[in-house]
Each structure stands twice: as C-alpha cells, then as structure tokens.
Amino acid sequence: MRLIFKVSYYIRTNYVNKEGKSPLMIRIYLNGKMLTVGSAGINVDKTKWSNETNRLKGRTSEVLNTNAQIDNISSDLRNIFLKHQFDKDLTLDKIKSIYLGKNKECTTFLDFYGKYLEDIKAQIGKGKTLATYHKYSAAGKHFENFLKLKYGRKDIMPSELTHVIIHDFDIYLRTVVSLKPNSATKTLKFFKTVVIFAQKCGVLTHDPFAQHRFHLESVDRGFLTDDEITRIMEKEFSTPRLESVRDIFIFSCFCGLAYIDVANLTQDNIVTLDGKKWIMTRRQKTHVESNILLLDIPLMIINKYKGKTNDGKLLPILSNQKMNAYLKEIADLCGIRKRLTYHLARHTFATMMLSKGVPVESVSKMLGHANIKTTQIYARAPRLVA
C-alpha cells in the first residue's frame, strides 16, 4: 500500500509574545491520520502567515530566513519518513520520536503503562497501597491479553489507542474475562487513569475515552440483621482465635471502619471529648477524616484487648485473608448463610445507622466517604430486621 506523508504548520494563536508573534506548531500526516509534533521553535507574525502555502508572505530577509527554517524542518521530517517508510511498525509517533531525538525507539503504550506501574510500586507505603498496585497491574495485564487475542499484537503505539479499541476492550472484560459489569467498569477506570497521565505527559495527543460513558449498576451491598449480629456476639467459641476474630468483626459492625483502617488504629486515635470517647482517624483509601463516637460494645472490645498487642496497635488483627477465612467458619457455626467477610461489617454499620434515622450526611462523614453518593447506596437498603 502506498503511504502518503505530509507536513503542515499552524499558529498557536492563544499565545502572543512581546513582539506580537505567536509560536509556529508542526503537524504531520500519514494516510489521513494527524499528529501534532510540537513547536517548530519559531515565532511568527500571524498577519504574514499563509495557511495555503504554509509559509510567511513577503520578501524581507527575516521572512526568507524563517521560510528557510520551515523548509529545513519539512525536509528533516520527510527524510525520516523516506528512511522508514518500509518499516512494518512505521507510525506518526515513531516519526515524531525520531525527529525530536528523545529516543531511538518510540515509546509504546504498554512500555508507558509499565513505567506507570513502577511509579506506583515505588510509592507503596508512601501514599499508595499494594492493593492499588495490583488493581492497576491487573488492568494492564487484561489489556495485554486483549491485544493478543483480538488483534494478534503484543503492543500498540499510543496513537493507535482509539475509541474502538477502548470499546472492544470493555466488551472483552465483560465476555472473555467474565467480569461483572461493575468490575469491568472499575477495571476500565483504572486503565483510564493511566491514559489520562499519558495525555498529560504528551505521549497521547488525543482522548480515546472521549465518547465512552461509564456506568455502575446499583447492587445489594449486603448487611447483617440485628438477629444475626446478636447470634455472632453471643456465640461461645472453643478457640481464642475465633473469639478474637469475632470481637474485631463486631467492633467494625459498630464503628464502620474498613479492615486496613482498623489494622492501623493505635491508642492515639482514641480521643475524649466532653466525657465521651471517639475514634479519630483518616481513611487510608480516601485520606478523608473519619470521626466515630465509641458506643459501649466497641469500648468493651478495646478494653478487653488493652495491652495484649505487641506492635502498639489497638486490636490484635490478623491479615485480611485470614480474617475472612475465620469469618467463614464463624458464619457456619452461627448458622448464617450469608457470605461473611470483614467488609460486610462496614456495610452493616452504614445500614444500621441509616435505619436508625441518622442523616446520610452524618453517616457519610463517619464512614469517611469522599462522595456522599457512595453513602446513598446504603440508604436504599431495608431496615435491619431479622
């Protein structure tokens, strides 16, 4: 197939220097596709510019010199095209990269994605969590597998990431990977974050998500009824391990804290105001402040384990995986057929507060939600009855 390559220029009219001149910008075309290379390093008087000839009008020495500079730029770009026109991986990005001299090999999209992952990994424990890293990593791996299956490609150039590819990737997540609608949407949102960063870095010059609409379906988050909470609280266990897991789970049912936030609690987070004790902390996930009044039951649990931890933490909490494994056993022993996970305690707290008439705004603050819409999901739940 014959390739058609063209170089053109345009003036960045939204910027004018003290001399009344504006930057001249370079565009290149390959078979109808366009890519902005960047500034030509030349400032021109827009009143003397001809869009038809892509040159300055006039015969002054300044005009002739500027037009010669433009000719040299065009010649350099055409020579790059002629040298690489038979390359199988020839793209506008590759021509731009060679011209700018930033790197011999053009950055591919998955190369960029990999560098983004490295940045997240370096920040684990310093504002980022391992869970966050795994979510971005999974999204990238899904995209890599999608490219192999759908297009027989190991990678693509940034300019090739189109709305059609985003649409196909979305379908792939829902069908081939069999992700549930909300899981597919969340995976795609992680992927979009990397795409947005690529745009900010100049790696992407277009928005492949421009026409894409995200939709999260309303789901039943699940919660425990008053009767189920009582059965768990009153159950006598034969092993101390099950007893402590039960206690910490019940603690969250009455405080609403997520696993990681309970794991991070120390005595410093317990504050007394007007004779009442409060938990004052900041959620690790959203960095939003969360202040919760301590009721009798969670206070009893705190006192029960006071001085019994070796790491200065408030409660002797296990890993999330082990907690959930023991909670499954507790559910069986208590005759509860619901899938008992640690996060269910947080859902139970939210539903409990709303069912007792606590305003959704107050519940949102206690939960440390960054967006009240997240809290409003619980407002649709029925009352906490057996």
Foldseek 3Di string as FASTA:
>chain_A
DDKDKDKAWDWPVVDADPVRWTFIWIWMDIPRDIDTLGTLPDTDNVVQADRVVRAGDDDDPVRVVVRVSVVVLRVLLVVLCVVCVPPPQDDPQQSSCVSVVPDNGGDFLLNLLVVVLVVLVVCDVPLHHPVLSVLSVVLSVLLQVLCCVPPVDNTGQQAPLALVSLVSSLVCCCPVVVDDLQSSLVSSVSVQVSVVVCCVVVSHVDRRCPPPDGDDDQDDPDAAFPVLLVLLVPDDDPDVVLVQLSLVLNLCLQQLEAPVFLQPAAPVQWDADPNWTWGWDAHSVQRFIAIGTDDPSNVVSQVVCVPVDDPRHSGPDDDQVVSQVSQCVSCVVSVHPDRDGSNNSNLNNLLACVLVPNDLVNSCRNNRPPDSVVSVSSNPDDHRHD
